[in-house]
């Protein structure tokens, strides 16, 4: 899981919606400040992350740091992971948590669902 989320944080730090989307499997679900969304199409997912990257740039995003708080094996190739995020911006730090359900497909981990909620890293 560490490797997956290192890639995820690096993709956000690079404002690279293509790299972010490539870490998700389709279909996927995301619950965040945009509401509850499901995606079956890569173009829709890319649009979502392009908008999110633009918004992060607008608030002075500098970098993301994460901590794996816990993980639980759900089944073969399925893991639930709670991540604490610290987003550094030019004016403040933003902390939140996300519950990810991840699936392993052909030896590679992908995010199936992401549910953002309040909490500290």
C-alpha atoms as a PDB file:
ATOM      1  CA  UNK A   1       0.000   0.000   0.000  1.00  0.00           C
ATOM      2  CA  UNK A   2       2.863   2.335   0.744  1.00  0.00           C
ATOM      3  CA  UNK A   3       3.993   2.280  -2.898  1.00  0.00           C
ATOM      4  CA  UNK A   4       0.476   2.978  -4.227  1.00  0.00           C
ATOM      5  CA  UNK A   5       0.035   6.025  -2.006  1.00  0.00           C
ATOM      6  CA  UNK A   6       3.555   7.315  -2.653  1.00  0.00           C
ATOM      7  CA  UNK A   7       2.618   7.346  -6.352  1.00  0.00           C
ATOM      8  CA  UNK A   8      -0.733   8.956  -5.481  1.00  0.00           C
ATOM      9  CA  UNK A   9       0.873  11.764  -3.450  1.00  0.00           C
ATOM     10  CA  UNK A  10       3.528  12.327  -6.137  1.00  0.00           C
ATOM     11  CA  UNK A  11       0.817  12.587  -8.827  1.00  0.00           C
ATOM     12  CA  UNK A  12      -1.008  15.232  -6.792  1.00  0.00           C
ATOM     13  CA  UNK A  13       2.250  17.088  -6.132  1.00  0.00           C
ATOM     14  CA  UNK A  14       2.846  17.151  -9.908  1.00  0.00           C
ATOM     15  CA  UNK A  15      -0.746  18.316 -10.628  1.00  0.00           C
ATOM     16  CA  UNK A  16      -0.989  15.327 -12.991  1.00  0.00           C
ATOM     17  CA  UNK A  17      -4.635  14.236 -13.402  1.00  0.00           C
ATOM     18  CA  UNK A  18      -3.629  11.453 -15.812  1.00  0.00           C
ATOM     19  CA  UNK A  19      -1.275   9.939 -13.230  1.00  0.00           C
ATOM     20  CA  UNK A  20      -3.893  10.266 -10.478  1.00  0.00           C
ATOM     21  CA  UNK A  21      -6.595   8.623 -12.609  1.00  0.00           C
ATOM     22  CA  UNK A  22      -4.241   5.800 -13.600  1.00  0.00           C
ATOM     23  CA  UNK A  23      -4.181   4.688  -9.955  1.00  0.00           C
ATOM     24  CA  UNK A  24      -7.952   4.089  -9.953  1.00  0.00           C
ATOM     25  CA  UNK A  25      -9.730   1.096 -11.421  1.00  0.00           C
ATOM     26  CA  UNK A  26     -12.970   1.511 -13.301  1.00  0.00           C
ATOM     27  CA  UNK A  27     -15.668   1.525 -12.241  1.00  0.00           C
ATOM     28  CA  UNK A  28     -14.809   3.471  -9.101  1.00  0.00           C
ATOM     29  CA  UNK A  29     -16.517   5.632  -6.490  1.00  0.00           C
ATOM     30  CA  UNK A  30     -15.359   8.811  -4.760  1.00  0.00           C
ATOM     31  CA  UNK A  31     -16.970  10.703  -1.888  1.00  0.00           C
ATOM     32  CA  UNK A  32     -15.347  14.083  -1.275  1.00  0.00           C
ATOM     33  CA  UNK A  33     -16.180  17.797  -1.258  1.00  0.00           C
ATOM     34  CA  UNK A  34     -17.673  17.323  -4.752  1.00  0.00           C
ATOM     35  CA  UNK A  35     -20.254  14.914  -3.284  1.00  0.00           C
ATOM     36  CA  UNK A  36     -20.867  11.255  -4.053  1.00  0.00           C
ATOM     37  CA  UNK A  37     -19.665  10.315  -7.521  1.00  0.00           C
ATOM     38  CA  UNK A  38     -19.258   7.102  -9.471  1.00  0.00           C
ATOM     39  CA  UNK A  39     -17.132   6.786 -12.583  1.00  0.00           C
ATOM     40  CA  UNK A  40     -17.271   4.221 -15.353  1.00  0.00           C
ATOM     41  CA  UNK A  41     -15.431   6.286 -17.950  1.00  0.00           C
ATOM     42  CA  UNK A  42     -11.781   7.389 -17.873  1.00  0.00           C
ATOM     43  CA  UNK A  43     -12.579  10.759 -19.488  1.00  0.00           C
ATOM     44  CA  UNK A  44     -15.021  11.636 -16.684  1.00  0.00           C
ATOM     45  CA  UNK A  45     -12.441  10.636 -14.082  1.00  0.00           C
ATOM     46  CA  UNK A  46      -9.761  12.719 -15.822  1.00  0.00           C
ATOM     47  CA  UNK A  47     -12.118  15.719 -15.877  1.00  0.00           C
ATOM     48  CA  UNK A  48     -12.751  15.329 -12.146  1.00  0.00           C
ATOM     49  CA  UNK A  49      -9.037  15.234 -11.321  1.00  0.00           C
ATOM     50  CA  UNK A  50      -8.222  18.047 -13.763  1.00  0.00           C
ATOM     51  CA  UNK A  51     -10.733  20.241 -11.924  1.00  0.00           C
ATOM     52  CA  UNK A  52      -9.391  19.126  -8.537  1.00  0.00           C
ATOM     53  CA  UNK A  53      -5.794  19.883  -9.594  1.00  0.00           C
ATOM     54  CA  UNK A  54      -6.847  23.348 -10.788  1.00  0.00           C
ATOM     55  CA  UNK A  55      -8.633  23.977  -7.479  1.00  0.00           C
ATOM     56  CA  UNK A  56      -5.615  22.814  -5.474  1.00  0.00           C
ATOM     57  CA  UNK A  57      -3.384  25.169  -7.460  1.00  0.00           C
ATOM     58  CA  UNK A  58      -5.802  28.010  -6.730  1.00  0.00           C
ATOM     59  CA  UNK A  59      -5.475  27.490  -2.959  1.00  0.00           C
ATOM     60  CA  UNK A  60      -1.661  27.481  -3.092  1.00  0.00           C
ATOM     61  CA  UNK A  61      -1.111  23.728  -2.811  1.00  0.00           C
ATOM     62  CA  UNK A  62       2.538  22.873  -2.102  1.00  0.00           C
ATOM     63  CA  UNK A  63       2.631  19.177  -1.230  1.00  0.00           C
ATOM     64  CA  UNK A  64       0.813  16.209   0.265  1.00  0.00           C
ATOM     65  CA  UNK A  65       2.034  14.005   3.094  1.00  0.00           C
ATOM     66  CA  UNK A  66       0.285  10.849   4.198  1.00  0.00           C
ATOM     67  CA  UNK A  67       0.315   8.304   6.955  1.00  0.00           C
ATOM     68  CA  UNK A  68      -1.211   4.851   6.691  1.00  0.00           C
ATOM     69  CA  UNK A  69      -3.288   4.722   9.876  1.00  0.00           C
ATOM     70  CA  UNK A  70      -4.490   1.138   9.444  1.00  0.00           C
ATOM     71  CA  UNK A  71      -5.297  -1.435   6.842  1.00  0.00           C
ATOM     72  CA  UNK A  72      -7.454  -4.520   6.810  1.00  0.00           C
ATOM     73  CA  UNK A  73      -7.482  -7.371   4.336  1.00  0.00           C
ATOM     74  CA  UNK A  74     -11.040  -7.821   3.110  1.00  0.00           C
ATOM     75  CA  UNK A  75     -10.495 -10.728   0.722  1.00  0.00           C
ATOM     76  CA  UNK A  76      -7.848 -11.970  -1.658  1.00  0.00           C
ATOM     77  CA  UNK A  77      -6.697  -8.880  -3.524  1.00  0.00           C
ATOM     78  CA  UNK A  78      -8.900  -6.474  -1.548  1.00  0.00           C
ATOM     79  CA  UNK A  79      -7.753  -4.181   1.253  1.00  0.00           C
ATOM     80  CA  UNK A  80      -9.374  -1.337   3.212  1.00  0.00           C
ATOM     81  CA  UNK A  81      -6.870   1.398   4.067  1.00  0.00           C
ATOM     82  CA  UNK A  82      -7.343   4.471   6.259  1.00  0.00           C
ATOM     83  CA  UNK A  83      -4.957   7.267   5.317  1.00  0.00           C
ATOM     84  CA  UNK A  84      -4.314  10.462   7.230  1.00  0.00           C
ATOM     85  CA  UNK A  85      -3.494  13.315   4.829  1.00  0.00           C
ATOM     86  CA  UNK A  86      -1.686  16.580   5.506  1.00  0.00           C
ATOM     87  CA  UNK A  87      -1.914  19.039   2.622  1.00  0.00           C
ATOM     88  CA  UNK A  88       0.509  21.929   2.836  1.00  0.00           C
ATOM     89  CA  UNK A  89      -0.555  25.150   1.125  1.00  0.00           C
ATOM     90  CA  UNK A  90       1.070  28.563   1.039  1.00  0.00           C
ATOM     91  CA  UNK A  91      -1.112  29.785   3.924  1.00  0.00           C
ATOM     92  CA  UNK A  92      -2.247  26.767   5.930  1.00  0.00           C
ATOM     93  CA  UNK A  93      -2.147  23.038   6.487  1.00  0.00           C
ATOM     94  CA  UNK A  94      -5.266  21.005   5.765  1.00  0.00           C
ATOM     95  CA  UNK A  95      -5.752  17.665   7.507  1.00  0.00           C
ATOM     96  CA  UNK A  96      -8.285  14.984   6.673  1.00  0.00           C
ATOM     97  CA  UNK A  97      -8.640  11.239   6.409  1.00  0.00           C
ATOM     98  CA  UNK A  98      -9.700   8.967   3.587  1.00  0.00           C
ATOM     99  CA  UNK A  99     -10.944   5.401   3.635  1.00  0.00           C
ATOM    100  CA  UNK A 100      -9.785   3.633   0.490  1.00  0.00           C
ATOM    101  CA  UNK A 101     -10.881   0.252  -0.773  1.00  0.00           C
ATOM    102  CA  UNK A 102      -8.090  -1.053  -2.980  1.00  0.00           C
ATOM    103  CA  UNK A 103      -8.085  -3.958  -5.418  1.00  0.00           C
ATOM    104  CA  UNK A 104      -5.092  -5.891  -6.691  1.00  0.00           C
ATOM    105  CA  UNK A 105      -5.312  -6.585 -10.415  1.00  0.00           C
ATOM    106  CA  UNK A 106      -2.499  -8.542 -12.074  1.00  0.00           C
ATOM    107  CA  UNK A 107      -0.058  -7.833  -9.238  1.00  0.00           C
ATOM    108  CA  UNK A 108      -0.828  -4.080  -9.169  1.00  0.00           C
ATOM    109  CA  UNK A 109      -2.882  -2.224  -6.549  1.00  0.00           C
ATOM    110  CA  UNK A 110      -5.581   0.251  -7.632  1.00  0.00           C
ATOM    111  CA  UNK A 111      -8.080   2.417  -5.775  1.00  0.00           C
ATOM    112  CA  UNK A 112     -11.655   1.181  -6.166  1.00  0.00           C
ATOM    113  CA  UNK A 113     -13.261   3.683  -3.791  1.00  0.00           C
ATOM    114  CA  UNK A 114     -12.203   6.731  -1.811  1.00  0.00           C
ATOM    115  CA  UNK A 115     -14.281   8.230   0.992  1.00  0.00           C
ATOM    116  CA  UNK A 116     -12.888  11.499   2.403  1.00  0.00           C
ATOM    117  CA  UNK A 117     -13.847  12.420   5.982  1.00  0.00           C
ATOM    118  CA  UNK A 118     -12.782  14.775   8.756  1.00  0.00           C
ATOM    119  CA  UNK A 119      -9.847  13.866  10.940  1.00  0.00           C
ATOM    120  CA  UNK A 120      -6.175  14.531  11.411  1.00  0.00           C
ATOM    121  CA  UNK A 121      -3.200  12.801   9.913  1.00  0.00           C
END
